[in-house]
Amino acid sequence: GLTGLQPSVLRAGIMGFGVLVGLVLQRQVKPLGCLFLAVNVLL
């Protein structure tokens, strides 16, 4: 919110949220799949 909802930050934010979900579920997140998912969701 402070950065002004820039696309590059939103992409990184979604990936960071994926890491946090993996932390709660105690599952390893695949970085490449997380990147593709974040990019496609935004686009």
PDB file of all heavy atoms in Angstrom:
ATOM      1  N   GLY A   1       0.812  -1.214   0.000  1.00  0.00           N
ATOM      2  CA  GLY A   1       0.000   0.000   0.000  1.00  0.00           C
ATOM      3  C   GLY A   1       0.844   1.262   0.000  1.00  0.00           C
ATOM      4  O   GLY A   1       0.535   2.234  -0.690  1.00  0.00           O
ATOM      5  N   LEU A   2       1.954   1.272   0.758  1.00  0.00           N
ATOM      6  CA  LEU A   2       2.815   2.443   0.832  1.00  0.00           C
ATOM      7  C   LEU A   2       3.533   2.720  -0.484  1.00  0.00           C
ATOM      8  O   LEU A   2       3.828   3.867  -0.812  1.00  0.00           O
ATOM      9  CB  LEU A   2       3.853   2.276   1.948  1.00  0.00           C
ATOM     10  CG  LEU A   2       3.326   2.375   3.380  1.00  0.00           C
ATOM     11  CD1 LEU A   2       4.428   2.049   4.371  1.00  0.00           C
ATOM     12  CD2 LEU A   2       2.774   3.770   3.650  1.00  0.00           C
ATOM     13  N   THR A   3       3.832   1.683  -1.255  1.00  0.00           N
ATOM     14  CA  THR A   3       4.551   1.876  -2.519  1.00  0.00           C
ATOM     15  C   THR A   3       3.637   2.285  -3.654  1.00  0.00           C
ATOM     16  O   THR A   3       4.116   2.623  -4.739  1.00  0.00           O
ATOM     17  CB  THR A   3       5.292   0.587  -2.928  1.00  0.00           C
ATOM     18  OG1 THR A   3       4.350  -0.488  -3.050  1.00  0.00           O
ATOM     19  CG2 THR A   3       6.343   0.225  -1.901  1.00  0.00           C
ATOM     20  N   GLY A   4       2.326   2.247  -3.455  1.00  0.00           N
ATOM     21  CA  GLY A   4       1.412   2.712  -4.488  1.00  0.00           C
ATOM     22  C   GLY A   4       0.892   1.625  -5.413  1.00  0.00           C
ATOM     23  O   GLY A   4       0.530   1.914  -6.562  1.00  0.00           O
ATOM     24  N   LEU A   5       0.829   0.380  -4.955  1.00  0.00           N
ATOM     25  CA  LEU A   5       0.247  -0.728  -5.737  1.00  0.00           C
ATOM     26  C   LEU A   5       0.895  -0.866  -7.110  1.00  0.00           C
ATOM     27  O   LEU A   5       0.231  -0.927  -8.144  1.00  0.00           O
ATOM     28  CB  LEU A   5      -1.265  -0.534  -5.890  1.00  0.00           C
ATOM     29  CG  LEU A   5      -2.072  -0.469  -4.590  1.00  0.00           C
ATOM     30  CD1 LEU A   5      -3.549  -0.255  -4.889  1.00  0.00           C
ATOM     31  CD2 LEU A   5      -1.887  -1.731  -3.765  1.00  0.00           C
ATOM     32  N   GLN A   6       2.223  -0.912  -7.136  1.00  0.00           N
ATOM     33  CA  GLN A   6       2.944  -1.092  -8.390  1.00  0.00           C
ATOM     34  C   GLN A   6       2.940  -2.571  -8.783  1.00  0.00           C
ATOM     35  O   GLN A   6       3.039  -3.453  -7.920  1.00  0.00           O
ATOM     36  CB  GLN A   6       4.377  -0.592  -8.251  1.00  0.00           C
ATOM     37  CG  GLN A   6       4.479   0.874  -7.868  1.00  0.00           C
ATOM     38  CD  GLN A   6       5.890   1.278  -7.542  1.00  0.00           C
ATOM     39  OE1 GLN A   6       6.845   0.831  -8.153  1.00  0.00           O
ATOM     40  NE2 GLN A   6       6.041   2.143  -6.541  1.00  0.00           N
ATOM     41  N   PRO A   7       2.844  -2.892 -10.089  1.00  0.00           N
ATOM     42  CA  PRO A   7       2.762  -4.295 -10.520  1.00  0.00           C
ATOM     43  C   PRO A   7       3.932  -5.152 -10.032  1.00  0.00           C
ATOM     44  O   PRO A   7       3.733  -6.297  -9.618  1.00  0.00           O
ATOM     45  CB  PRO A   7       2.746  -4.192 -12.052  1.00  0.00           C
ATOM     46  CG  PRO A   7       2.248  -2.832 -12.349  1.00  0.00           C
ATOM     47  CD  PRO A   7       2.708  -1.966 -11.224  1.00  0.00           C
ATOM     48  N   SER A   8       5.153  -4.610 -10.077  1.00  0.00           N
ATOM     49  CA  SER A   8       6.315  -5.394  -9.662  1.00  0.00           C
ATOM     50  C   SER A   8       6.252  -5.728  -8.173  1.00  0.00           C
ATOM     51  O   SER A   8       6.655  -6.819  -7.750  1.00  0.00           O
ATOM     52  CB  SER A   8       7.605  -4.630  -9.981  1.00  0.00           C
ATOM     53  OG  SER A   8       7.602  -3.358  -9.358  1.00  0.00           O
ATOM     54  N   VAL A   9       5.735  -4.799  -7.370  1.00  0.00           N
ATOM     55  CA  VAL A   9       5.616  -5.055  -5.931  1.00  0.00           C
ATOM     56  C   VAL A   9       4.491  -6.037  -5.652  1.00  0.00           C
ATOM     57  O   VAL A   9       4.597  -6.902  -4.772  1.00  0.00           O
ATOM     58  CB  VAL A   9       5.372  -3.739  -5.173  1.00  0.00           C
ATOM     59  CG1 VAL A   9       5.393  -3.975  -3.678  1.00  0.00           C
ATOM     60  CG2 VAL A   9       6.414  -2.712  -5.547  1.00  0.00           C
ATOM     61  N   LEU A  10       3.393  -5.928  -6.384  1.00  0.00           N
ATOM     62  CA  LEU A  10       2.289  -6.876  -6.229  1.00  0.00           C
ATOM     63  C   LEU A  10       2.747  -8.292  -6.544  1.00  0.00           C
ATOM     64  O   LEU A  10       2.378  -9.246  -5.853  1.00  0.00           O
ATOM     65  CB  LEU A  10       1.123  -6.478  -7.137  1.00  0.00           C
ATOM     66  CG  LEU A  10       0.338  -5.231  -6.729  1.00  0.00           C
ATOM     67  CD1 LEU A  10      -0.636  -4.838  -7.829  1.00  0.00           C
ATOM     68  CD2 LEU A  10      -0.426  -5.480  -5.435  1.00  0.00           C
ATOM     69  N   ARG A  11       3.553  -8.434  -7.601  1.00  0.00           N
ATOM     70  CA  ARG A  11       4.083  -9.755  -7.965  1.00  0.00           C
ATOM     71  C   ARG A  11       4.913 -10.328  -6.818  1.00  0.00           C
ATOM     72  O   ARG A  11       4.735 -11.489  -6.420  1.00  0.00           O
ATOM     73  CB  ARG A  11       4.919  -9.612  -9.242  1.00  0.00           C
ATOM     74  CG  ARG A  11       5.398 -10.913  -9.874  1.00  0.00           C
ATOM     75  CD  ARG A  11       6.696 -11.426  -9.317  1.00  0.00           C
ATOM     76  NE  ARG A  11       7.722 -10.411  -9.308  1.00  0.00           N
ATOM     77  CZ  ARG A  11       8.834 -10.509  -8.593  1.00  0.00           C
ATOM     78  NH1 ARG A  11       9.025 -11.556  -7.792  1.00  0.00           N
ATOM     79  NH2 ARG A  11       9.741  -9.550  -8.610  1.00  0.00           N
ATOM     80  N   ALA A  12       5.819  -9.515  -6.289  1.00  0.00           N
ATOM     81  CA  ALA A  12       6.654  -9.974  -5.180  1.00  0.00           C
ATOM     82  C   ALA A  12       5.817 -10.239  -3.937  1.00  0.00           C
ATOM     83  O   ALA A  12       6.097 -11.178  -3.177  1.00  0.00           O
ATOM     84  CB  ALA A  12       7.737  -8.934  -4.884  1.00  0.00           C
ATOM     85  N   GLY A  13       4.778  -9.423  -3.710  1.00  0.00           N
ATOM     86  CA  GLY A  13       3.920  -9.619  -2.556  1.00  0.00           C
ATOM     87  C   GLY A  13       3.166 -10.931  -2.610  1.00  0.00           C
ATOM     88  O   GLY A  13       3.025 -11.629  -1.595  1.00  0.00           O
ATOM     89  N   ILE A  14       2.664 -11.292  -3.792  1.00  0.00           N
ATOM     90  CA  ILE A  14       1.959 -12.572  -3.943  1.00  0.00           C
ATOM     91  C   ILE A  14       2.911 -13.730  -3.681  1.00  0.00           C
ATOM     92  O   ILE A  14       2.556 -14.717  -3.019  1.00  0.00           O
ATOM     93  CB  ILE A  14       1.334 -12.670  -5.346  1.00  0.00           C
ATOM     94  CG1 ILE A  14       0.201 -11.638  -5.489  1.00  0.00           C
ATOM     95  CG2 ILE A  14       0.786 -14.073  -5.598  1.00  0.00           C
ATOM     96  CD1 ILE A  14      -0.409 -11.599  -6.873  1.00  0.00           C
ATOM     97  N   MET A  15       4.140 -13.616  -4.189  1.00  0.00           N
ATOM     98  CA  MET A  15       5.119 -14.679  -3.955  1.00  0.00           C
ATOM     99  C   MET A  15       5.468 -14.768  -2.470  1.00  0.00           C
ATOM    100  O   MET A  15       5.610 -15.868  -1.917  1.00  0.00           O
ATOM    101  CB  MET A  15       6.371 -14.424  -4.786  1.00  0.00           C
ATOM    102  CG  MET A  15       6.160 -14.542  -6.293  1.00  0.00           C
ATOM    103  SD  MET A  15       7.691 -14.390  -7.223  1.00  0.00           S
ATOM    104  CE  MET A  15       8.561 -15.867  -6.685  1.00  0.00           C
ATOM    105  N   GLY A  16       5.601 -13.610  -1.811  1.00  0.00           N
ATOM    106  CA  GLY A  16       5.869 -13.619  -0.372  1.00  0.00           C
ATOM    107  C   GLY A  16       4.732 -14.233   0.411  1.00  0.00           C
ATOM    108  O   GLY A  16       4.949 -14.969   1.383  1.00  0.00           O
ATOM    109  N   PHE A  17       3.495 -13.951  -0.022  1.00  0.00           N
ATOM    110  CA  PHE A  17       2.328 -14.552   0.630  1.00  0.00           C
ATOM    111  C   PHE A  17       2.345 -16.069   0.455  1.00  0.00           C
ATOM    112  O   PHE A  17       1.992 -16.820   1.376  1.00  0.00           O
ATOM    113  CB  PHE A  17       1.050 -13.962   0.044  1.00  0.00           C
ATOM    114  CG  PHE A  17      -0.209 -14.495   0.661  1.00  0.00           C
ATOM    115  CD1 PHE A  17      -0.614 -14.092   1.922  1.00  0.00           C
ATOM    116  CD2 PHE A  17      -0.994 -15.422  -0.009  1.00  0.00           C
ATOM    117  CE1 PHE A  17      -1.772 -14.593   2.504  1.00  0.00           C
ATOM    118  CE2 PHE A  17      -2.157 -15.925   0.549  1.00  0.00           C
ATOM    119  CZ  PHE A  17      -2.544 -15.508   1.822  1.00  0.00           C
ATOM    120  N   GLY A  18       2.790 -16.536  -0.713  1.00  0.00           N
ATOM    121  CA  GLY A  18       2.910 -17.982  -0.938  1.00  0.00           C
ATOM    122  C   GLY A  18       3.901 -18.615   0.018  1.00  0.00           C
ATOM    123  O   GLY A  18       3.676 -19.725   0.521  1.00  0.00           O
ATOM    124  N   VAL A  19       5.010 -17.905   0.279  1.00  0.00           N
ATOM    125  CA  VAL A  19       5.996 -18.408   1.247  1.00  0.00           C
ATOM    126  C   VAL A  19       5.378 -18.507   2.637  1.00  0.00           C
ATOM    127  O   VAL A  19       5.601 -19.491   3.365  1.00  0.00           O
ATOM    128  CB  VAL A  19       7.231 -17.484   1.263  1.00  0.00           C
ATOM    129  CG1 VAL A  19       8.176 -17.875   2.403  1.00  0.00           C
ATOM    130  CG2 VAL A  19       7.965 -17.551  -0.070  1.00  0.00           C
ATOM    131  N   LEU A  20       4.592 -17.512   3.022  1.00  0.00           N
ATOM    132  CA  LEU A  20       3.950 -17.530   4.346  1.00  0.00           C
ATOM    133  C   LEU A  20       2.931 -18.663   4.452  1.00  0.00           C
ATOM    134  O   LEU A  20       2.824 -19.314   5.500  1.00  0.00           O
ATOM    135  CB  LEU A  20       3.267 -16.188   4.598  1.00  0.00           C
ATOM    136  CG  LEU A  20       4.191 -14.977   4.759  1.00  0.00           C
ATOM    137  CD1 LEU A  20       3.383 -13.694   4.846  1.00  0.00           C
ATOM    138  CD2 LEU A  20       5.063 -15.137   6.001  1.00  0.00           C
ATOM    139  N   VAL A  21       2.181 -18.914   3.364  1.00  0.00           N
ATOM    140  CA  VAL A  21       1.230 -20.029   3.367  1.00  0.00           C
ATOM    141  C   VAL A  21       1.976 -21.354   3.537  1.00  0.00           C
ATOM    142  O   VAL A  21       1.557 -22.236   4.304  1.00  0.00           O
ATOM    143  CB  VAL A  21       0.404 -20.036   2.064  1.00  0.00           C
ATOM    144  CG1 VAL A  21      -0.433 -21.311   1.963  1.00  0.00           C
ATOM    145  CG2 VAL A  21      -0.505 -18.812   2.016  1.00  0.00           C
ATOM    146  N   GLY A  22       3.100 -21.502   2.821  1.00  0.00           N
ATOM    147  CA  GLY A  22       3.907 -22.707   2.975  1.00  0.00           C
ATOM    148  C   GLY A  22       4.442 -22.856   4.386  1.00  0.00           C
ATOM    149  O   GLY A  22       4.560 -23.978   4.901  1.00  0.00           O
ATOM    150  N   LEU A  23       4.756 -21.726   5.043  1.00  0.00           N
ATOM    151  CA  LEU A  23       5.254 -21.765   6.414  1.00  0.00           C
ATOM    152  C   LEU A  23       4.185 -22.282   7.365  1.00  0.00           C
ATOM    153  O   LEU A  23       4.460 -23.099   8.251  1.00  0.00           O
ATOM    154  CB  LEU A  23       5.712 -20.361   6.829  1.00  0.00           C
ATOM    155  CG  LEU A  23       6.279 -20.202   8.231  1.00  0.00           C
ATOM    156  CD1 LEU A  23       7.586 -20.970   8.359  1.00  0.00           C
ATOM    157  CD2 LEU A  23       6.507 -18.722   8.554  1.00  0.00           C
ATOM    158  N   VAL A  24       2.941 -21.827   7.187  1.00  0.00           N
ATOM    159  CA  VAL A  24       1.846 -22.268   8.059  1.00  0.00           C
ATOM    160  C   VAL A  24       1.519 -23.735   7.811  1.00  0.00           C
ATOM    161  O   VAL A  24       1.301 -24.504   8.760  1.00  0.00           O
ATOM    162  CB  VAL A  24       0.602 -21.380   7.818  1.00  0.00           C
ATOM    163  CG1 VAL A  24      -0.605 -21.944   8.549  1.00  0.00           C
ATOM    164  CG2 VAL A  24       0.871 -19.956   8.281  1.00  0.00           C
ATOM    165  N   LEU A  25       1.481 -24.129   6.553  1.00  0.00           N
ATOM    166  CA  LEU A  25       1.144 -25.516   6.206  1.00  0.00           C
ATOM    167  C   LEU A  25       2.323 -26.459   6.335  1.00  0.00           C
ATOM    168  O   LEU A  25       2.170 -27.668   6.135  1.00  0.00           O
ATOM    169  CB  LEU A  25       0.597 -25.573   4.773  1.00  0.00           C
ATOM    170  CG  LEU A  25      -0.668 -24.746   4.489  1.00  0.00           C
ATOM    171  CD1 LEU A  25      -1.071 -24.880   3.031  1.00  0.00           C
ATOM    172  CD2 LEU A  25      -1.806 -25.198   5.396  1.00  0.00           C
ATOM    173  N   GLN A  26       3.505 -25.884   6.641  1.00  0.00           N
ATOM    174  CA  GLN A  26       4.739 -26.668   6.769  1.00  0.00           C
ATOM    175  C   GLN A  26       5.011 -27.473   5.492  1.00  0.00           C
ATOM    176  O   GLN A  26       5.335 -28.652   5.529  1.00  0.00           O
ATOM    177  CB  GLN A  26       4.670 -27.590   7.991  1.00  0.00           C
ATOM    178  CG  GLN A  26       4.561 -26.840   9.301  1.00  0.00           C
ATOM    179  CD  GLN A  26       4.576 -27.758  10.511  1.00  0.00           C
ATOM    180  OE1 GLN A  26       4.441 -28.975  10.391  1.00  0.00           O
ATOM    181  NE2 GLN A  26       4.732 -27.171  11.687  1.00  0.00           N
ATOM    182  N   ARG A  27       4.871 -26.762   4.379  1.00  0.00           N
ATOM    183  CA  ARG A  27       5.146 -27.371   3.072  1.00  0.00           C
ATOM    184  C   ARG A  27       6.120 -26.477   2.317  1.00  0.00           C
ATOM    185  O   ARG A  27       6.059 -25.251   2.409  1.00  0.00           O
ATOM    186  CB  ARG A  27       3.852 -27.536   2.268  1.00  0.00           C
ATOM    187  CG  ARG A  27       2.873 -28.518   2.883  1.00  0.00           C
ATOM    188  CD  ARG A  27       1.631 -28.661   2.031  1.00  0.00           C
ATOM    189  NE  ARG A  27       1.935 -29.143   0.690  1.00  0.00           N
ATOM    190  CZ  ARG A  27       1.032 -29.329  -0.261  1.00  0.00           C
ATOM    191  NH1 ARG A  27      -0.244 -29.043  -0.022  1.00  0.00           N
ATOM    192  NH2 ARG A  27       1.391 -29.765  -1.443  1.00  0.00           N
ATOM    193  N   GLN A  28       6.996 -27.093   1.545  1.00  0.00           N
ATOM    194  CA  GLN A  28       7.961 -26.339   0.764  1.00  0.00           C
ATOM    195  C   GLN A  28       7.298 -25.778  -0.499  1.00  0.00           C
ATOM    196  O   GLN A  28       6.602 -26.497  -1.216  1.00  0.00           O
ATOM    197  CB  GLN A  28       9.147 -27.230   0.376  1.00  0.00           C
ATOM    198  CG  GLN A  28      10.272 -26.466  -0.322  1.00  0.00           C
ATOM    199  CD  GLN A  28      11.474 -27.358  -0.601  1.00  0.00           C
ATOM    200  OE1 GLN A  28      11.425 -28.561  -0.365  1.00  0.00           O
ATOM    201  NE2 GLN A  28      12.541 -26.761  -1.106  1.00  0.00           N
ATOM    202  N   VAL A  29       7.492 -24.502  -0.737  1.00  0.00           N
ATOM    203  CA  VAL A  29       6.919 -23.841  -1.904  1.00  0.00           C
ATOM    204  C   VAL A  29       7.915 -23.891  -3.055  1.00  0.00           C
ATOM    205  O   VAL A  29       9.099 -23.595  -2.877  1.00  0.00           O
ATOM    206  CB  VAL A  29       6.563 -22.371  -1.576  1.00  0.00           C
ATOM    207  CG1 VAL A  29       6.019 -21.656  -2.806  1.00  0.00           C
ATOM    208  CG2 VAL A  29       5.548 -22.318  -0.448  1.00  0.00           C
ATOM    209  N   LYS A  30       7.452 -24.288  -4.240  1.00  0.00           N
ATOM    210  CA  LYS A  30       8.309 -24.308  -5.419  1.00  0.00           C
ATOM    211  C   LYS A  30       8.388 -22.898  -5.992  1.00  0.00           C
ATOM    212  O   LYS A  30       7.387 -22.353  -6.463  1.00  0.00           O
ATOM    213  CB  LYS A  30       7.754 -25.277  -6.460  1.00  0.00           C
ATOM    214  CG  LYS A  30       7.769 -26.730  -5.994  1.00  0.00           C
ATOM    215  CD  LYS A  30       7.270 -27.662  -7.077  1.00  0.00           C
ATOM    216  CE  LYS A  30       7.343 -29.118  -6.605  1.00  0.00           C
ATOM    217  NZ  LYS A  30       6.845 -30.058  -7.651  1.00  0.00           N
ATOM    218  N   PRO A  31       9.580 -22.292  -5.964  1.00  0.00           N
ATOM    219  CA  PRO A  31       9.705 -20.885  -6.377  1.00  0.00           C
ATOM    220  C   PRO A  31       9.253 -20.624  -7.808  1.00  0.00           C
ATOM    221  O   PRO A  31       8.576 -19.632  -8.075  1.00  0.00           O
ATOM    222  CB  PRO A  31      11.204 -20.603  -6.204  1.00  0.00           C
ATOM    223  CG  PRO A  31      11.678 -21.619  -5.224  1.00  0.00           C
ATOM    224  CD  PRO A  31      10.847 -22.838  -5.480  1.00  0.00           C
ATOM    225  N   LEU A  32       9.630 -21.507  -8.737  1.00  0.00           N
ATOM    226  CA  LEU A  32       9.275 -21.272 -10.137  1.00  0.00           C
ATOM    227  C   LEU A  32       7.767 -21.316 -10.349  1.00  0.00           C
ATOM    228  O   LEU A  32       7.198 -20.467 -11.038  1.00  0.00           O
ATOM    229  CB  LEU A  32       9.957 -22.315 -11.029  1.00  0.00           C
ATOM    230  CG  LEU A  32       9.914 -22.047 -12.537  1.00  0.00           C
ATOM    231  CD1 LEU A  32      10.588 -20.728 -12.868  1.00  0.00           C
ATOM    232  CD2 LEU A  32      10.582 -23.185 -13.305  1.00  0.00           C
ATOM    233  N   GLY A  33       7.109 -22.278  -9.730  1.00  0.00           N
ATOM    234  CA  GLY A  33       5.659 -22.357  -9.839  1.00  0.00           C
ATOM    235  C   GLY A  33       4.983 -21.165  -9.188  1.00  0.00           C
ATOM    236  O   GLY A  33       3.985 -20.650  -9.693  1.00  0.00           O
ATOM    237  N   CYS A  34       5.541 -20.711  -8.064  1.00  0.00           N
ATOM    238  CA  CYS A  34       4.982 -19.549  -7.365  1.00  0.00           C
ATOM    239  C   CYS A  34       5.115 -18.295  -8.223  1.00  0.00           C
ATOM    240  O   CYS A  34       4.201 -17.462  -8.288  1.00  0.00           O
ATOM    241  CB  CYS A  34       5.702 -19.369  -6.035  1.00  0.00           C
ATOM    242  SG  CYS A  34       4.922 -18.168  -4.930  1.00  0.00           S
ATOM    243  N   LEU A  35       6.266 -18.162  -8.922  1.00  0.00           N
ATOM    244  CA  LEU A  35       6.464 -17.011  -9.805  1.00  0.00           C
ATOM    245  C   LEU A  35       5.451 -17.011 -10.939  1.00  0.00           C
ATOM    246  O   LEU A  35       4.810 -15.978 -11.217  1.00  0.00           O
ATOM    247  CB  LEU A  35       7.888 -17.031 -10.368  1.00  0.00           C
ATOM    248  CG  LEU A  35       8.199 -15.985 -11.450  1.00  0.00           C
ATOM    249  CD1 LEU A  35       8.081 -14.576 -10.884  1.00  0.00           C
ATOM    250  CD2 LEU A  35       9.590 -16.218 -12.044  1.00  0.00           C
ATOM    251  N   PHE A  36       5.283 -18.142 -11.603  1.00  0.00           N
ATOM    252  CA  PHE A  36       4.345 -18.224 -12.725  1.00  0.00           C
ATOM    253  C   PHE A  36       2.914 -17.970 -12.256  1.00  0.00           C
ATOM    254  O   PHE A  36       2.139 -17.307 -12.950  1.00  0.00           O
ATOM    255  CB  PHE A  36       4.456 -19.602 -13.395  1.00  0.00           C
ATOM    256  CG  PHE A  36       5.422 -19.621 -14.533  1.00  0.00           C
ATOM    257  CD1 PHE A  36       6.784 -19.622 -14.314  1.00  0.00           C
ATOM    258  CD2 PHE A  36       4.970 -19.633 -15.842  1.00  0.00           C
ATOM    259  CE1 PHE A  36       7.680 -19.633 -15.366  1.00  0.00           C
ATOM    260  CE2 PHE A  36       5.843 -19.642 -16.907  1.00  0.00           C
ATOM    261  CZ  PHE A  36       7.219 -19.638 -16.667  1.00  0.00           C
ATOM    262  N   LEU A  37       2.568 -18.483 -11.086  1.00  0.00           N
ATOM    263  CA  LEU A  37       1.221 -18.267 -10.563  1.00  0.00           C
ATOM    264  C   LEU A  37       0.980 -16.785 -10.277  1.00  0.00           C
ATOM    265  O   LEU A  37      -0.062 -16.224 -10.644  1.00  0.00           O
ATOM    266  CB  LEU A  37       1.017 -19.087  -9.293  1.00  0.00           C
ATOM    267  CG  LEU A  37      -0.350 -18.925  -8.609  1.00  0.00           C
ATOM    268  CD1 LEU A  37      -1.473 -19.392  -9.533  1.00  0.00           C
ATOM    269  CD2 LEU A  37      -0.385 -19.701  -7.294  1.00  0.00           C
ATOM    270  N   ALA A  38       1.956 -16.139  -9.624  1.00  0.00           N
ATOM    271  CA  ALA A  38       1.809 -14.723  -9.294  1.00  0.00           C
ATOM    272  C   ALA A  38       1.676 -13.870 -10.550  1.00  0.00           C
ATOM    273  O   ALA A  38       0.822 -12.979 -10.634  1.00  0.00           O
ATOM    274  CB  ALA A  38       3.009 -14.256  -8.465  1.00  0.00           C
ATOM    275  N   VAL A  39       2.520 -14.143 -11.546  1.00  0.00           N
ATOM    276  CA  VAL A  39       2.489 -13.366 -12.788  1.00  0.00           C
ATOM    277  C   VAL A  39       1.162 -13.551 -13.505  1.00  0.00           C
ATOM    278  O   VAL A  39       0.551 -12.584 -13.988  1.00  0.00           O
ATOM    279  CB  VAL A  39       3.670 -13.779 -13.702  1.00  0.00           C
ATOM    280  CG1 VAL A  39       3.519 -13.157 -15.085  1.00  0.00           C
ATOM    281  CG2 VAL A  39       4.991 -13.350 -13.076  1.00  0.00           C
ATOM    282  N   ASN A  40       0.677 -14.781 -13.583  1.00  0.00           N
ATOM    283  CA  ASN A  40      -0.579 -15.034 -14.287  1.00  0.00           C
ATOM    284  C   ASN A  40      -1.773 -14.434 -13.560  1.00  0.00           C
ATOM    285  O   ASN A  40      -2.692 -13.908 -14.200  1.00  0.00           O
ATOM    286  CB  ASN A  40      -0.773 -16.545 -14.482  1.00  0.00           C
ATOM    287  CG  ASN A  40      -0.050 -17.079 -15.687  1.00  0.00           C
ATOM    288  OD1 ASN A  40      -0.593 -17.166 -16.780  1.00  0.00           O
ATOM    289  ND2 ASN A  40       1.223 -17.434 -15.506  1.00  0.00           N
ATOM    290  N   VAL A  41      -1.772 -14.491 -12.233  1.00  0.00           N
ATOM    291  CA  VAL A  41      -2.875 -13.895 -11.474  1.00  0.00           C
ATOM    292  C   VAL A  41      -2.958 -12.392 -11.752  1.00  0.00           C
ATOM    293  O   VAL A  41      -4.040 -11.842 -12.021  1.00  0.00           O
ATOM    294  CB  VAL A  41      -2.698 -14.150  -9.964  1.00  0.00           C
ATOM    295  CG1 VAL A  41      -3.640 -13.276  -9.149  1.00  0.00           C
ATOM    296  CG2 VAL A  41      -2.957 -15.620  -9.647  1.00  0.00           C
ATOM    297  N   LEU A  42      -1.821 -11.713 -11.734  1.00  0.00           N
ATOM    298  CA  LEU A  42      -1.809 -10.271 -11.975  1.00  0.00           C
ATOM    299  C   LEU A  42      -2.206  -9.934 -13.405  1.00  0.00           C
ATOM    300  O   LEU A  42      -2.911  -8.951 -13.653  1.00  0.00           O
ATOM    301  CB  LEU A  42      -0.417  -9.706 -11.667  1.00  0.00           C
ATOM    302  CG  LEU A  42      -0.021  -9.680 -10.196  1.00  0.00           C
ATOM    303  CD1 LEU A  42       1.414  -9.199 -10.041  1.00  0.00           C
ATOM    304  CD2 LEU A  42      -0.955  -8.776  -9.400  1.00  0.00           C
ATOM    305  N   LEU A  43      -1.760 -10.755 -14.361  1.00  0.00           N
ATOM    306  CA  LEU A  43      -2.054 -10.466 -15.759  1.00  0.00           C
ATOM    307  C   LEU A  43      -3.458 -10.901 -16.170  1.00  0.00           C
ATOM    308  O   LEU A  43      -3.943 -10.483 -17.219  1.00  0.00           O
ATOM    309  CB  LEU A  43      -1.011 -11.117 -16.666  1.00  0.00           C
ATOM    310  CG  LEU A  43       0.392 -10.520 -16.530  1.00  0.00           C
ATOM    311  CD1 LEU A  43       1.373 -11.234 -17.448  1.00  0.00           C
ATOM    312  CD2 LEU A  43       0.379  -9.028 -16.833  1.00  0.00           C
TER     313      LEU A  43
END
